[in-house]
Amino acid sequence: MKKLLVIVVLGLLLVSCSDYKTKKLLENCADFKWEESTGLDINNAFPKLKNKLKNSGYEQDFKACELEMKLSPITFKEKYK
């Protein structure tokens, strides 16, 4: 029973870490695209992703990054890690 509990807890931790890494990759990509198109560093004004996504232009960049990640995941991970 203890072994099962340990396995479940470790599994949940790994899933949580994976989700965090995916969000961070997407945020790095969107930050890059935003800075490339506007010349501004969005991290100075909005350090949290939740606040960045309130900007419609940034949200579009984030969605474009999601699509790019789906189409070529290995290249995407190497480019934005």
C-alpha atoms as a PDB file:
ATOM      1  CA  MET A   1       0.000   0.000   0.000  1.00  0.00           C
ATOM      2  CA  LYS A   2       2.842   2.385   0.846  1.00  0.00           C
ATOM      3  CA  LYS A   3       4.523   1.652  -2.458  1.00  0.00           C
ATOM      4  CA  LEU A   4       1.338   2.493  -4.332  1.00  0.00           C
ATOM      5  CA  LEU A   5       1.054   5.796  -2.491  1.00  0.00           C
ATOM      6  CA  VAL A   6       4.656   6.679  -3.330  1.00  0.00           C
ATOM      7  CA  ILE A   7       4.089   5.850  -7.000  1.00  0.00           C
ATOM      8  CA  VAL A   8       0.942   7.978  -7.148  1.00  0.00           C
ATOM      9  CA  VAL A   9       2.644  10.952  -5.473  1.00  0.00           C
ATOM     10  CA  LEU A  10       5.668  10.740  -7.754  1.00  0.00           C
ATOM     11  CA  GLY A  11       3.407  10.480 -10.781  1.00  0.00           C
ATOM     12  CA  LEU A  12       1.517  13.604  -9.767  1.00  0.00           C
ATOM     13  CA  LEU A  13       4.768  15.493  -9.224  1.00  0.00           C
ATOM     14  CA  LEU A  14       6.048  14.542 -12.660  1.00  0.00           C
ATOM     15  CA  VAL A  15       2.814  15.629 -14.326  1.00  0.00           C
ATOM     16  CA  SER A  16       2.923  18.962 -12.506  1.00  0.00           C
ATOM     17  CA  CYS A  17       6.516  19.587 -13.546  1.00  0.00           C
ATOM     18  CA  SER A  18       5.724  18.732 -17.149  1.00  0.00           C
ATOM     19  CA  ASP A  19       2.833  21.197 -17.238  1.00  0.00           C
ATOM     20  CA  TYR A  20       5.032  23.933 -15.744  1.00  0.00           C
ATOM     21  CA  LYS A  21       7.782  23.309 -18.314  1.00  0.00           C
ATOM     22  CA  THR A  22       5.279  23.436 -21.181  1.00  0.00           C
ATOM     23  CA  LYS A  23       3.848  26.746 -19.973  1.00  0.00           C
ATOM     24  CA  LYS A  24       7.340  28.167 -19.527  1.00  0.00           C
ATOM     25  CA  LEU A  25       8.337  27.132 -23.065  1.00  0.00           C
ATOM     26  CA  LEU A  26       5.205  28.751 -24.483  1.00  0.00           C
ATOM     27  CA  GLU A  27       5.805  31.894 -22.435  1.00  0.00           C
ATOM     28  CA  ASN A  28       9.423  32.115 -23.662  1.00  0.00           C
ATOM     29  CA  CYS A  29       8.221  31.789 -27.243  1.00  0.00           C
ATOM     30  CA  ALA A  30       5.490  34.415 -26.856  1.00  0.00           C
ATOM     31  CA  ASP A  31       7.899  36.785 -25.085  1.00  0.00           C
ATOM     32  CA  PHE A  32      10.330  36.399 -27.986  1.00  0.00           C
ATOM     33  CA  LYS A  33       7.641  37.013 -30.606  1.00  0.00           C
ATOM     34  CA  TRP A  34       6.280  40.015 -28.658  1.00  0.00           C
ATOM     35  CA  GLU A  35       9.719  41.582 -28.307  1.00  0.00           C
ATOM     36  CA  GLU A  36      10.504  40.894 -31.963  1.00  0.00           C
ATOM     37  CA  SER A  37       7.317  42.619 -33.184  1.00  0.00           C
ATOM     38  CA  THR A  38       7.179  45.547 -30.732  1.00  0.00           C
ATOM     39  CA  GLY A  39      10.778  46.025 -29.643  1.00  0.00           C
ATOM     40  CA  LEU A  40       9.566  46.094 -26.023  1.00  0.00           C
ATOM     41  CA  ASP A  41      10.330  43.705 -23.183  1.00  0.00           C
ATOM     42  CA  ILE A  42       6.927  42.697 -21.806  1.00  0.00           C
ATOM     43  CA  ASN A  43       8.492  41.200 -18.663  1.00  0.00           C
ATOM     44  CA  ASN A  44       9.217  44.700 -17.336  1.00  0.00           C
ATOM     45  CA  ALA A  45       5.546  45.684 -17.426  1.00  0.00           C
ATOM     46  CA  PHE A  46       3.937  42.304 -16.721  1.00  0.00           C
ATOM     47  CA  PRO A  47       6.097  39.719 -14.951  1.00  0.00           C
ATOM     48  CA  LYS A  48       3.266  37.164 -14.598  1.00  0.00           C
ATOM     49  CA  LEU A  49       1.832  35.174 -17.507  1.00  0.00           C
ATOM     50  CA  LYS A  50      -1.723  35.752 -16.280  1.00  0.00           C
ATOM     51  CA  ASN A  51      -1.271  39.513 -16.718  1.00  0.00           C
ATOM     52  CA  LYS A  52       0.562  39.203 -20.039  1.00  0.00           C
ATOM     53  CA  LEU A  53      -2.347  37.248 -21.520  1.00  0.00           C
ATOM     54  CA  LYS A  54      -4.701  40.166 -20.864  1.00  0.00           C
ATOM     55  CA  ASN A  55      -2.969  41.924 -23.761  1.00  0.00           C
ATOM     56  CA  SER A  56      -4.657  40.731 -26.966  1.00  0.00           C
ATOM     57  CA  GLY A  57      -1.475  41.008 -29.041  1.00  0.00           C
ATOM     58  CA  TYR A  58       0.473  38.906 -26.582  1.00  0.00           C
ATOM     59  CA  GLU A  59      -2.372  36.406 -26.442  1.00  0.00           C
ATOM     60  CA  GLN A  60      -2.204  36.011 -30.229  1.00  0.00           C
ATOM     61  CA  ASP A  61       1.551  35.411 -30.010  1.00  0.00           C
ATOM     62  CA  PHE A  62       0.940  32.807 -27.290  1.00  0.00           C
ATOM     63  CA  LYS A  63      -1.632  31.010 -29.461  1.00  0.00           C
ATOM     64  CA  ALA A  64       0.779  31.061 -32.408  1.00  0.00           C
ATOM     65  CA  CYS A  65       3.379  29.456 -30.149  1.00  0.00           C
ATOM     66  CA  GLU A  66       0.902  26.742 -29.112  1.00  0.00           C
ATOM     67  CA  LEU A  67       0.347  25.905 -32.768  1.00  0.00           C
ATOM     68  CA  GLU A  68       4.073  25.945 -33.501  1.00  0.00           C
ATOM     69  CA  MET A  69       4.641  23.583 -30.564  1.00  0.00           C
ATOM     70  CA  LYS A  70       2.041  21.137 -31.893  1.00  0.00           C
ATOM     71  CA  LEU A  71       3.491  21.159 -35.412  1.00  0.00           C
ATOM     72  CA  SER A  72       7.155  20.693 -34.495  1.00  0.00           C
ATOM     73  CA  PRO A  73       7.546  19.854 -30.806  1.00  0.00           C
ATOM     74  CA  ILE A  74      11.227  18.847 -30.806  1.00  0.00           C
ATOM     75  CA  THR A  75      12.394  21.946 -32.666  1.00  0.00           C
ATOM     76  CA  PHE A  76      10.178  24.113 -30.494  1.00  0.00           C
ATOM     77  CA  LYS A  77      11.593  22.703 -27.260  1.00  0.00           C
ATOM     78  CA  GLU A  78      15.170  23.158 -28.411  1.00  0.00           C
ATOM     79  CA  LYS A  79      14.544  26.692 -29.637  1.00  0.00           C
ATOM     80  CA  TYR A  80      12.742  28.073 -26.569  1.00  0.00           C
ATOM     81  CA  LYS A  81      14.175  26.202 -23.583  1.00  0.00           C
END
